[in-house]
Amino acid sequence: MNPLVRPRRLAPGARVAVVATSGPVPEERLQAGLDVLRGWDLDPVVGPHVLDRHPEFGYLAGTDADRAADFQNAWCDPAVDAVLCARGGYGAQRMTDLLDWDALRAAGPKVFVGFSDLTVLHEAIATRLGLATLHGPMAAGIDFIKNARAQDHLRATLFAPETVRTISSGGTPLVSGRARGTTLGGCLCLLAAELGTPHARPSARGGLLCLEDVGEETYRLDRYLTQLLRSGWLDGVRGVLLGSWRNCAGHAEVRTLLADRLTSLGVPVVEDFGFGHCDGALTIPFGLAAELDADAATLTLDEPALR
């Protein structure tokens, strides 16, 4: 797995587009997120359908076509330097195939930030555009609005990425050791759901795989991990970083499952790495060559996340 092309870092005054690709967005949280971005001396612009709600399925932020159009128009606007997702939920899978990937490629590299349901777009942008992305807090998320650690780490990654080349999590090793590879991953249930789809990569071979999830029963986490194992998708993975498991079973139960399913890979595994659905979530760049030190609970990037 080769490292991907890094977009340019942001500078004061950069224009960032905020779009809703998945679930409906609370207006008050969106406005609070826009205020944060303005406080960073960015120029946020909002997709016209960001506050829409699907006429039949209330879990979607507007129709698939409108969500796709907002994303496409933002990415293809030469004045836009970054595309930030407003929130996750569900719906990215429904709109990803509606995007004109040739036009997106022609528009050139952009910074992309999101997590959770946006695992789908992280994978698609990697496979179709060959671009590195940022797994980080979203513009209308509680963490983005209210948590200083989440804000500071994302801001440093966007503006001064050389200052956060080593990401220290305070986590603990599940399997000791060091490993080198290319970062990838996201929400476990979506990585499993994407198997066999047009925009998913064929395997995690050569990768440092980041996994997290939210609100899942233990047997479902077991199912997702087992599906990735049985499909061969995890063959050749170099190391695993485990993020948050909010609203899943207790820590001991989830830890026992993760150990049962992952230690057989024979690679370093670190838990509690502090990304995903947790307070103060760290921003993890995807698509970059890096070294994982499970014992020190650090991820050191070969190069800054952005140029």
C-alpha atoms as a PDB file:
ATOM      1  CA  MET A   1       0.000   0.000   0.000  1.00  0.00           C
ATOM      2  CA  ASN A   2       1.625   3.224  -1.172  1.00  0.00           C
ATOM      3  CA  PRO A   3       1.243   6.633   0.509  1.00  0.00           C
ATOM      4  CA  LEU A   4      -1.232   8.987  -1.151  1.00  0.00           C
ATOM      5  CA  VAL A   5      -0.961  12.569  -2.410  1.00  0.00           C
ATOM      6  CA  ARG A   6      -1.128  15.162   0.351  1.00  0.00           C
ATOM      7  CA  PRO A   7      -3.298  18.253  -0.190  1.00  0.00           C
ATOM      8  CA  ARG A   8      -1.967  21.683   0.733  1.00  0.00           C
ATOM      9  CA  ARG A   9      -2.288  22.960   4.278  1.00  0.00           C
ATOM     10  CA  LEU A  10      -4.689  25.773   5.019  1.00  0.00           C
ATOM     11  CA  ALA A  11      -3.692  29.387   5.554  1.00  0.00           C
ATOM     12  CA  PRO A  12      -5.610  32.231   7.207  1.00  0.00           C
ATOM     13  CA  GLY A  13      -8.452  33.330   4.959  1.00  0.00           C
ATOM     14  CA  ALA A  14      -8.820  29.935   3.269  1.00  0.00           C
ATOM     15  CA  ARG A  15     -12.305  29.076   2.111  1.00  0.00           C
ATOM     16  CA  VAL A  16     -13.752  25.877   3.540  1.00  0.00           C
ATOM     17  CA  ALA A  17     -17.030  24.328   2.423  1.00  0.00           C
ATOM     18  CA  VAL A  18     -19.283  22.629   4.977  1.00  0.00           C
ATOM     19  CA  VAL A  19     -21.565  19.967   3.502  1.00  0.00           C
ATOM     20  CA  ALA A  20     -24.021  17.351   4.791  1.00  0.00           C
ATOM     21  CA  THR A  21     -23.404  13.990   3.148  1.00  0.00           C
ATOM     22  CA  SER A  22     -25.228  11.836   5.673  1.00  0.00           C
ATOM     23  CA  GLY A  23     -27.664  12.600   8.510  1.00  0.00           C
ATOM     24  CA  PRO A  24     -29.661  15.768   9.224  1.00  0.00           C
ATOM     25  CA  VAL A  25     -27.774  18.658  10.800  1.00  0.00           C
ATOM     26  CA  PRO A  26     -29.025  20.645  13.835  1.00  0.00           C
ATOM     27  CA  GLU A  27     -28.948  24.305  12.812  1.00  0.00           C
ATOM     28  CA  GLU A  28     -27.746  25.632  16.169  1.00  0.00           C
ATOM     29  CA  ARG A  29     -24.779  23.256  16.167  1.00  0.00           C
ATOM     30  CA  LEU A  30     -23.944  24.161  12.589  1.00  0.00           C
ATOM     31  CA  GLN A  31     -23.900  27.854  13.443  1.00  0.00           C
ATOM     32  CA  ALA A  32     -21.680  27.189  16.464  1.00  0.00           C
ATOM     33  CA  GLY A  33     -19.276  25.214  14.264  1.00  0.00           C
ATOM     34  CA  LEU A  34     -19.167  27.991  11.693  1.00  0.00           C
ATOM     35  CA  ASP A  35     -18.275  30.413  14.483  1.00  0.00           C
ATOM     36  CA  VAL A  36     -15.343  28.183  15.450  1.00  0.00           C
ATOM     37  CA  LEU A  37     -14.106  28.148  11.855  1.00  0.00           C
ATOM     38  CA  ARG A  38     -14.395  31.931  11.608  1.00  0.00           C
ATOM     39  CA  GLY A  39     -12.462  32.168  14.862  1.00  0.00           C
ATOM     40  CA  TRP A  40      -9.658  30.281  13.107  1.00  0.00           C
ATOM     41  CA  ASP A  41      -9.664  33.024  10.435  1.00  0.00           C
ATOM     42  CA  LEU A  42     -11.219  30.693   7.872  1.00  0.00           C
ATOM     43  CA  ASP A  43     -13.979  31.629   5.444  1.00  0.00           C
ATOM     44  CA  PRO A  44     -16.689  28.955   5.768  1.00  0.00           C
ATOM     45  CA  VAL A  45     -19.329  28.540   3.079  1.00  0.00           C
ATOM     46  CA  VAL A  46     -22.298  26.240   3.536  1.00  0.00           C
ATOM     47  CA  GLY A  47     -23.804  23.886   0.991  1.00  0.00           C
ATOM     48  CA  PRO A  48     -27.334  24.948   0.001  1.00  0.00           C
ATOM     49  CA  HIS A  49     -28.843  21.651   1.193  1.00  0.00           C
ATOM     50  CA  VAL A  50     -26.922  21.322   4.453  1.00  0.00           C
ATOM     51  CA  LEU A  51     -30.039  21.808   6.601  1.00  0.00           C
ATOM     52  CA  ASP A  52     -32.372  19.745   4.412  1.00  0.00           C
ATOM     53  CA  ARG A  53     -34.229  16.677   5.587  1.00  0.00           C
ATOM     54  CA  HIS A  54     -35.233  13.849   3.273  1.00  0.00           C
ATOM     55  CA  PRO A  55     -39.004  13.937   2.592  1.00  0.00           C
ATOM     56  CA  GLU A  56     -39.451  10.234   3.419  1.00  0.00           C
ATOM     57  CA  PHE A  57     -36.420   9.121   5.439  1.00  0.00           C
ATOM     58  CA  GLY A  58     -35.803  11.426   8.355  1.00  0.00           C
ATOM     59  CA  TYR A  59     -32.372   9.961   9.017  1.00  0.00           C
ATOM     60  CA  LEU A  60     -31.047  11.555   5.811  1.00  0.00           C
ATOM     61  CA  ALA A  61     -30.043  15.189   5.278  1.00  0.00           C
ATOM     62  CA  GLY A  62     -31.997  15.768   2.083  1.00  0.00           C
ATOM     63  CA  THR A  63     -32.151  13.651  -1.043  1.00  0.00           C
ATOM     64  CA  ASP A  64     -29.215  11.592  -2.258  1.00  0.00           C
ATOM     65  CA  ALA A  65     -28.930  13.753  -5.364  1.00  0.00           C
ATOM     66  CA  ASP A  66     -28.862  17.012  -3.392  1.00  0.00           C
ATOM     67  CA  ARG A  67     -26.286  15.751  -0.901  1.00  0.00           C
ATOM     68  CA  ALA A  68     -24.116  14.533  -3.758  1.00  0.00           C
ATOM     69  CA  ALA A  69     -24.501  17.836  -5.592  1.00  0.00           C
ATOM     70  CA  ASP A  70     -23.438  19.845  -2.546  1.00  0.00           C
ATOM     71  CA  PHE A  71     -20.310  17.730  -2.131  1.00  0.00           C
ATOM     72  CA  GLN A  72     -19.485  17.779  -5.836  1.00  0.00           C
ATOM     73  CA  ASN A  73     -19.993  21.513  -6.235  1.00  0.00           C
ATOM     74  CA  ALA A  74     -17.900  22.275  -3.163  1.00  0.00           C
ATOM     75  CA  TRP A  75     -15.035  20.039  -4.297  1.00  0.00           C
ATOM     76  CA  CYS A  76     -15.068  21.378  -7.845  1.00  0.00           C
ATOM     77  CA  ASP A  77     -15.178  25.046  -6.788  1.00  0.00           C
ATOM     78  CA  PRO A  78     -11.635  26.367  -7.399  1.00  0.00           C
ATOM     79  CA  ALA A  79     -12.093  28.892  -4.587  1.00  0.00           C
ATOM     80  CA  VAL A  80     -12.622  26.140  -1.988  1.00  0.00           C
ATOM     81  CA  ASP A  81      -9.528  24.777  -0.230  1.00  0.00           C
ATOM     82  CA  ALA A  82     -11.161  22.203   2.036  1.00  0.00           C
ATOM     83  CA  VAL A  83     -14.393  20.249   2.370  1.00  0.00           C
ATOM     84  CA  LEU A  84     -15.568  19.619   5.922  1.00  0.00           C
ATOM     85  CA  CYS A  85     -18.489  17.365   6.702  1.00  0.00           C
ATOM     86  CA  ALA A  86     -21.116  18.753   9.055  1.00  0.00           C
ATOM     87  CA  ARG A  87     -21.868  15.435  10.762  1.00  0.00           C
ATOM     88  CA  GLY A  88     -22.080  11.682  10.233  1.00  0.00           C
ATOM     89  CA  GLY A  89     -25.060   9.443  10.836  1.00  0.00           C
ATOM     90  CA  TYR A  90     -25.956   7.492   7.716  1.00  0.00           C
ATOM     91  CA  GLY A  91     -26.245   8.230   4.021  1.00  0.00           C
ATOM     92  CA  ALA A  92     -22.795   8.543   2.461  1.00  0.00           C
ATOM     93  CA  GLN A  93     -23.129   5.131   0.834  1.00  0.00           C
ATOM     94  CA  ARG A  94     -26.303   6.274  -0.908  1.00  0.00           C
ATOM     95  CA  MET A  95     -24.695   9.312  -2.538  1.00  0.00           C
ATOM     96  CA  THR A  96     -21.137   8.167  -3.297  1.00  0.00           C
ATOM     97  CA  ASP A  97     -22.029   6.454  -6.587  1.00  0.00           C
ATOM     98  CA  LEU A  98     -23.774   9.646  -7.769  1.00  0.00           C
ATOM     99  CA  LEU A  99     -20.529  11.636  -7.725  1.00  0.00           C
ATOM    100  CA  ASP A 100     -18.634  12.395 -10.932  1.00  0.00           C
ATOM    101  CA  TRP A 101     -15.242  11.076  -9.897  1.00  0.00           C
ATOM    102  CA  ASP A 102     -13.569  12.238 -13.111  1.00  0.00           C
ATOM    103  CA  ALA A 103     -14.659  15.806 -12.379  1.00  0.00           C
ATOM    104  CA  LEU A 104     -13.534  15.518  -8.763  1.00  0.00           C
ATOM    105  CA  ARG A 105     -10.133  14.275  -9.896  1.00  0.00           C
ATOM    106  CA  ALA A 106      -9.812  17.116 -12.392  1.00  0.00           C
ATOM    107  CA  ALA A 107     -10.522  19.656  -9.636  1.00  0.00           C
ATOM    108  CA  GLY A 108      -7.277  18.694  -7.918  1.00  0.00           C
ATOM    109  CA  PRO A 109      -6.393  17.894  -4.302  1.00  0.00           C
ATOM    110  CA  LYS A 110      -8.489  19.310  -1.469  1.00  0.00           C
ATOM    111  CA  VAL A 111      -8.424  18.811   2.274  1.00  0.00           C
ATOM    112  CA  PHE A 112     -11.217  16.483   3.395  1.00  0.00           C
ATOM    113  CA  VAL A 113     -12.270  16.117   7.043  1.00  0.00           C
ATOM    114  CA  GLY A 114     -14.843  13.762   8.557  1.00  0.00           C
ATOM    115  CA  PHE A 115     -15.308  10.482  10.390  1.00  0.00           C
ATOM    116  CA  SER A 116     -17.944   7.884  11.279  1.00  0.00           C
ATOM    117  CA  ASP A 117     -20.248   7.525   8.244  1.00  0.00           C
ATOM    118  CA  LEU A 118     -17.623   9.398   6.238  1.00  0.00           C
ATOM    119  CA  THR A 119     -15.457   6.284   6.334  1.00  0.00           C
ATOM    120  CA  VAL A 120     -17.175   5.623   2.995  1.00  0.00           C
ATOM    121  CA  LEU A 121     -15.763   8.822   1.492  1.00  0.00           C
ATOM    122  CA  HIS A 122     -12.322   8.311   3.031  1.00  0.00           C
ATOM    123  CA  GLU A 123     -12.162   5.006   1.170  1.00  0.00           C
ATOM    124  CA  ALA A 124     -13.581   6.428  -2.061  1.00  0.00           C
ATOM    125  CA  ILE A 125     -11.273   9.451  -2.084  1.00  0.00           C
ATOM    126  CA  ALA A 126      -8.301   7.154  -1.490  1.00  0.00           C
ATOM    127  CA  THR A 127      -9.189   4.665  -4.227  1.00  0.00           C
ATOM    128  CA  ARG A 128     -10.610   7.036  -6.845  1.00  0.00           C
ATOM    129  CA  LEU A 129      -8.588  10.217  -6.278  1.00  0.00           C
ATOM    130  CA  GLY A 130      -5.431   8.898  -4.617  1.00  0.00           C
ATOM    131  CA  LEU A 131      -5.595  11.576  -1.922  1.00  0.00           C
ATOM    132  CA  ALA A 132      -4.747  11.557   1.761  1.00  0.00           C
ATOM    133  CA  THR A 133      -7.616  12.614   4.055  1.00  0.00           C
ATOM    134  CA  LEU A 134      -8.159  13.608   7.689  1.00  0.00           C
ATOM    135  CA  HIS A 135     -10.203  11.427  10.053  1.00  0.00           C
ATOM    136  CA  GLY A 136     -11.258  14.163  12.429  1.00  0.00           C
ATOM    137  CA  PRO A 137     -14.047  16.144  14.117  1.00  0.00           C
ATOM    138  CA  MET A 138     -16.912  17.472  12.012  1.00  0.00           C
ATOM    139  CA  ALA A 139     -18.150  21.038  11.860  1.00  0.00           C
ATOM    140  CA  ALA A 140     -21.497  20.503  13.624  1.00  0.00           C
ATOM    141  CA  GLY A 141     -20.198  17.908  16.069  1.00  0.00           C
ATOM    142  CA  ILE A 142     -20.255  18.461  19.828  1.00  0.00           C
ATOM    143  CA  ASP A 143     -16.555  17.609  20.039  1.00  0.00           C
ATOM    144  CA  PHE A 144     -15.674  20.177  17.373  1.00  0.00           C
ATOM    145  CA  ILE A 145     -17.752  22.864  19.050  1.00  0.00           C
ATOM    146  CA  LYS A 146     -16.908  22.349  22.713  1.00  0.00           C
ATOM    147  CA  ASN A 147     -13.752  20.281  23.205  1.00  0.00           C
ATOM    148  CA  ALA A 148     -10.464  22.175  23.293  1.00  0.00           C
ATOM    149  CA  ARG A 149      -8.250  19.129  22.636  1.00  0.00           C
ATOM    150  CA  ALA A 150     -10.242  18.125  19.556  1.00  0.00           C
ATOM    151  CA  GLN A 151     -10.229  21.704  18.264  1.00  0.00           C
ATOM    152  CA  ASP A 152      -6.541  22.279  18.912  1.00  0.00           C
ATOM    153  CA  HIS A 153      -5.370  19.043  17.316  1.00  0.00           C
ATOM    154  CA  LEU A 154      -7.465  19.535  14.175  1.00  0.00           C
ATOM    155  CA  ARG A 155      -6.421  23.179  13.904  1.00  0.00           C
ATOM    156  CA  ALA A 156      -2.737  22.280  14.217  1.00  0.00           C
ATOM    157  CA  THR A 157      -3.155  19.549  11.590  1.00  0.00           C
ATOM    158  CA  LEU A 158      -4.781  21.998   9.174  1.00  0.00           C
ATOM    159  CA  PHE A 159      -2.458  24.977   9.656  1.00  0.00           C
ATOM    160  CA  ALA A 160       0.840  23.631  11.045  1.00  0.00           C
ATOM    161  CA  PRO A 161       0.888  19.881  10.373  1.00  0.00           C
ATOM    162  CA  GLU A 162       4.618  19.582  11.059  1.00  0.00           C
ATOM    163  CA  THR A 163       3.832  20.261  14.751  1.00  0.00           C
ATOM    164  CA  VAL A 164       1.702  17.117  15.050  1.00  0.00           C
ATOM    165  CA  ARG A 165       3.744  14.592  13.078  1.00  0.00           C
ATOM    166  CA  THR A 166       3.909  12.400  16.175  1.00  0.00           C
ATOM    167  CA  ILE A 167       0.455  11.664  17.569  1.00  0.00           C
ATOM    168  CA  SER A 168       0.622  10.586  21.213  1.00  0.00           C
ATOM    169  CA  SER A 169      -2.543   8.990  22.474  1.00  0.00           C
ATOM    170  CA  GLY A 170      -1.915   7.818  26.010  1.00  0.00           C
ATOM    171  CA  GLY A 171      -3.241   4.415  24.994  1.00  0.00           C
ATOM    172  CA  THR A 172      -1.991   0.976  25.950  1.00  0.00           C
ATOM    173  CA  PRO A 173      -0.609  -1.955  23.941  1.00  0.00           C
ATOM    174  CA  LEU A 174      -2.874  -4.921  23.330  1.00  0.00           C
ATOM    175  CA  VAL A 175      -0.010  -6.498  21.369  1.00  0.00           C
ATOM    176  CA  SER A 176       3.440  -4.956  21.839  1.00  0.00           C
ATOM    177  CA  GLY A 177       5.774  -3.961  19.056  1.00  0.00           C
ATOM    178  CA  ARG A 178       6.489  -1.509  16.260  1.00  0.00           C
ATOM    179  CA  ALA A 179       5.198  -1.515  12.720  1.00  0.00           C
ATOM    180  CA  ARG A 180       5.473   0.598   9.583  1.00  0.00           C
ATOM    181  CA  GLY A 181       2.726   1.040   7.031  1.00  0.00           C
ATOM    182  CA  THR A 182       0.217   3.414   5.457  1.00  0.00           C
ATOM    183  CA  THR A 183      -2.635   4.700   7.610  1.00  0.00           C
ATOM    184  CA  LEU A 184      -6.235   3.867   6.732  1.00  0.00           C
ATOM    185  CA  GLY A 185      -9.474   2.848   8.374  1.00  0.00           C
ATOM    186  CA  GLY A 186     -12.421   4.411  10.136  1.00  0.00           C
ATOM    187  CA  CYS A 187     -15.701   3.055  11.427  1.00  0.00           C
ATOM    188  CA  LEU A 188     -15.589  -0.748  11.694  1.00  0.00           C
ATOM    189  CA  CYS A 189     -19.178  -1.396  10.609  1.00  0.00           C
ATOM    190  CA  LEU A 190     -18.713   0.676   7.448  1.00  0.00           C
ATOM    191  CA  LEU A 191     -15.432  -0.953   6.485  1.00  0.00           C
ATOM    192  CA  ALA A 192     -17.277  -4.279   6.664  1.00  0.00           C
ATOM    193  CA  ALA A 193     -20.297  -2.895   4.792  1.00  0.00           C
ATOM    194  CA  GLU A 194     -18.092  -1.535   2.009  1.00  0.00           C
ATOM    195  CA  LEU A 195     -16.546  -4.907   1.132  1.00  0.00           C
ATOM    196  CA  GLY A 196     -17.131  -5.634  -2.539  1.00  0.00           C
ATOM    197  CA  THR A 197     -18.398  -2.158  -3.404  1.00  0.00           C
ATOM    198  CA  PRO A 198     -16.946  -0.093  -6.273  1.00  0.00           C
ATOM    199  CA  HIS A 199     -14.953   2.368  -4.163  1.00  0.00           C
ATOM    200  CA  ALA A 200     -13.554   0.105  -1.442  1.00  0.00           C
ATOM    201  CA  ARG A 201      -9.914  -0.918  -1.500  1.00  0.00           C
ATOM    202  CA  PRO A 202      -9.370  -4.677  -1.962  1.00  0.00           C
ATOM    203  CA  SER A 203      -7.513  -5.144   1.322  1.00  0.00           C
ATOM    204  CA  ALA A 204      -5.687  -3.481   4.179  1.00  0.00           C
ATOM    205  CA  ARG A 205      -2.394  -5.149   3.188  1.00  0.00           C
ATOM    206  CA  GLY A 206       0.563  -2.948   4.101  1.00  0.00           C
ATOM    207  CA  GLY A 207      -1.601  -0.694   6.247  1.00  0.00           C
ATOM    208  CA  LEU A 208      -1.761   0.632   9.766  1.00  0.00           C
ATOM    209  CA  LEU A 209      -5.464   0.105  10.305  1.00  0.00           C
ATOM    210  CA  CYS A 210      -7.474   2.461  12.529  1.00  0.00           C
ATOM    211  CA  LEU A 211     -10.717   0.994  13.878  1.00  0.00           C
ATOM    212  CA  GLU A 212     -13.498   2.440  16.037  1.00  0.00           C
ATOM    213  CA  ASP A 213     -17.293   2.299  16.276  1.00  0.00           C
ATOM    214  CA  VAL A 214     -20.276   3.539  18.263  1.00  0.00           C
ATOM    215  CA  GLY A 215     -23.470   2.052  19.682  1.00  0.00           C
ATOM    216  CA  GLU A 216     -22.837  -1.535  18.598  1.00  0.00           C
ATOM    217  CA  GLU A 217     -23.648  -4.759  20.433  1.00  0.00           C
ATOM    218  CA  THR A 218     -20.627  -6.966  21.034  1.00  0.00           C
ATOM    219  CA  TYR A 219     -21.898  -9.688  18.717  1.00  0.00           C
ATOM    220  CA  ARG A 220     -22.159  -7.146  15.925  1.00  0.00           C
ATOM    221  CA  LEU A 221     -18.577  -5.997  16.461  1.00  0.00           C
ATOM    222  CA  ASP A 222     -17.645  -9.679  16.394  1.00  0.00           C
ATOM    223  CA  ARG A 223     -19.518 -10.099  13.111  1.00  0.00           C
ATOM    224  CA  TYR A 224     -17.774  -7.141  11.449  1.00  0.00           C
ATOM    225  CA  LEU A 225     -14.318  -8.252  12.540  1.00  0.00           C
ATOM    226  CA  THR A 226     -15.008 -11.834  11.564  1.00  0.00           C
ATOM    227  CA  GLN A 227     -16.235 -10.724   8.141  1.00  0.00           C
ATOM    228  CA  LEU A 228     -13.034  -8.737   7.564  1.00  0.00           C
ATOM    229  CA  LEU A 229     -10.977 -11.732   8.677  1.00  0.00           C
ATOM    230  CA  ARG A 230     -12.882 -14.311   6.614  1.00  0.00           C
ATOM    231  CA  SER A 231     -12.812 -12.159   3.477  1.00  0.00           C
ATOM    232  CA  GLY A 232      -9.024 -11.867   3.672  1.00  0.00           C
ATOM    233  CA  TRP A 233      -9.285  -8.092   3.917  1.00  0.00           C
ATOM    234  CA  LEU A 234      -6.998  -8.069   6.958  1.00  0.00           C
ATOM    235  CA  ASP A 235      -4.331 -10.284   5.393  1.00  0.00           C
ATOM    236  CA  GLY A 236      -0.992  -8.488   5.423  1.00  0.00           C
ATOM    237  CA  VAL A 237      -2.053  -5.612   7.680  1.00  0.00           C
ATOM    238  CA  ARG A 238       1.018  -4.244   9.494  1.00  0.00           C
ATOM    239  CA  GLY A 239      -0.542  -2.895  12.696  1.00  0.00           C
ATOM    240  CA  VAL A 240      -3.857  -1.902  14.277  1.00  0.00           C
ATOM    241  CA  LEU A 241      -4.866   1.230  16.185  1.00  0.00           C
ATOM    242  CA  LEU A 242      -8.092   1.001  18.188  1.00  0.00           C
ATOM    243  CA  GLY A 243     -10.073   4.146  18.914  1.00  0.00           C
ATOM    244  CA  SER A 244     -13.270   4.617  20.887  1.00  0.00           C
ATOM    245  CA  TRP A 245     -16.190   2.206  21.372  1.00  0.00           C
ATOM    246  CA  ARG A 246     -18.713   4.638  22.827  1.00  0.00           C
ATOM    247  CA  ASN A 247     -22.113   3.184  23.749  1.00  0.00           C
ATOM    248  CA  CYS A 248     -20.877  -0.322  23.053  1.00  0.00           C
ATOM    249  CA  ALA A 249     -20.542  -2.875  25.864  1.00  0.00           C
ATOM    250  CA  GLY A 250     -18.228  -2.261  28.807  1.00  0.00           C
ATOM    251  CA  HIS A 251     -14.521  -1.801  28.219  1.00  0.00           C
ATOM    252  CA  ALA A 252     -13.583  -5.268  29.498  1.00  0.00           C
ATOM    253  CA  GLU A 253     -16.056  -7.050  27.221  1.00  0.00           C
ATOM    254  CA  VAL A 254     -15.066  -5.116  24.106  1.00  0.00           C
ATOM    255  CA  ARG A 255     -11.372  -5.518  24.930  1.00  0.00           C
ATOM    256  CA  THR A 256     -11.789  -9.278  25.266  1.00  0.00           C
ATOM    257  CA  LEU A 257     -13.457  -9.433  21.852  1.00  0.00           C
ATOM    258  CA  LEU A 258     -10.816  -7.254  20.176  1.00  0.00           C
ATOM    259  CA  ALA A 259      -8.051  -9.404  21.634  1.00  0.00           C
ATOM    260  CA  ASP A 260      -9.815 -12.575  20.499  1.00  0.00           C
ATOM    261  CA  ARG A 261     -10.245 -11.372  16.911  1.00  0.00           C
ATOM    262  CA  LEU A 262      -7.060  -9.344  16.364  1.00  0.00           C
ATOM    263  CA  THR A 263      -4.147 -10.875  18.262  1.00  0.00           C
ATOM    264  CA  SER A 264      -4.033 -13.782  15.805  1.00  0.00           C
ATOM    265  CA  LEU A 265      -2.894 -11.300  13.140  1.00  0.00           C
ATOM    266  CA  GLY A 266       0.524 -11.286  14.793  1.00  0.00           C
ATOM    267  CA  VAL A 267       0.992  -7.525  14.471  1.00  0.00           C
ATOM    268  CA  PRO A 268       1.234  -4.686  17.019  1.00  0.00           C
ATOM    269  CA  VAL A 269      -2.130  -3.514  18.325  1.00  0.00           C
ATOM    270  CA  VAL A 270      -2.694  -0.438  20.497  1.00  0.00           C
ATOM    271  CA  GLU A 271      -5.985   0.380  22.218  1.00  0.00           C
ATOM    272  CA  ASP A 272      -7.554   3.582  23.547  1.00  0.00           C
ATOM    273  CA  PHE A 273      -5.801   5.650  20.899  1.00  0.00           C
ATOM    274  CA  GLY A 274      -8.248   8.529  21.310  1.00  0.00           C
ATOM    275  CA  PHE A 275      -9.877   8.920  17.895  1.00  0.00           C
ATOM    276  CA  GLY A 276     -13.460   8.474  16.750  1.00  0.00           C
ATOM    277  CA  HIS A 277     -16.609   8.867  18.850  1.00  0.00           C
ATOM    278  CA  CYS A 278     -14.941  10.112  22.014  1.00  0.00           C
ATOM    279  CA  ASP A 279     -14.355  13.358  23.841  1.00  0.00           C
ATOM    280  CA  GLY A 280     -11.289  15.195  22.603  1.00  0.00           C
ATOM    281  CA  ALA A 281     -10.894  13.024  19.521  1.00  0.00           C
ATOM    282  CA  LEU A 282      -7.518  13.267  17.821  1.00  0.00           C
ATOM    283  CA  THR A 283      -7.270  13.900  14.080  1.00  0.00           C
ATOM    284  CA  ILE A 284      -5.664  10.939  12.305  1.00  0.00           C
ATOM    285  CA  PRO A 285      -4.389  11.459   8.749  1.00  0.00           C
ATOM    286  CA  PHE A 286      -5.197   8.592   6.384  1.00  0.00           C
ATOM    287  CA  GLY A 287      -3.047   7.639   3.411  1.00  0.00           C
ATOM    288  CA  LEU A 288       0.334   8.509   4.933  1.00  0.00           C
ATOM    289  CA  ALA A 289       3.395   6.390   5.639  1.00  0.00           C
ATOM    290  CA  ALA A 290       3.929   6.141   9.381  1.00  0.00           C
ATOM    291  CA  GLU A 291       5.363   4.109  12.235  1.00  0.00           C
ATOM    292  CA  LEU A 292       3.236   2.725  15.044  1.00  0.00           C
ATOM    293  CA  ASP A 293       4.874   2.138  18.415  1.00  0.00           C
ATOM    294  CA  ALA A 294       2.267   0.177  20.359  1.00  0.00           C
ATOM    295  CA  ASP A 295       4.209   0.291  23.641  1.00  0.00           C
ATOM    296  CA  ALA A 296       4.644   4.067  23.537  1.00  0.00           C
ATOM    297  CA  ALA A 297       1.141   4.468  22.030  1.00  0.00           C
ATOM    298  CA  THR A 298       2.445   6.802  19.333  1.00  0.00           C
ATOM    299  CA  LEU A 299       1.913   7.149  15.610  1.00  0.00           C
ATOM    300  CA  THR A 300       4.730   9.015  13.862  1.00  0.00           C
ATOM    301  CA  LEU A 301       4.102  10.219  10.327  1.00  0.00           C
ATOM    302  CA  ASP A 302       6.967  10.203   7.837  1.00  0.00           C
ATOM    303  CA  GLU A 303       5.784  13.578   6.549  1.00  0.00           C
ATOM    304  CA  PRO A 304       3.315  16.200   7.782  1.00  0.00           C
ATOM    305  CA  ALA A 305      -0.308  15.386   6.978  1.00  0.00           C
ATOM    306  CA  LEU A 306      -0.567  18.312   4.568  1.00  0.00           C
ATOM    307  CA  ARG A 307       2.017  19.923   2.319  1.00  0.00           C
END
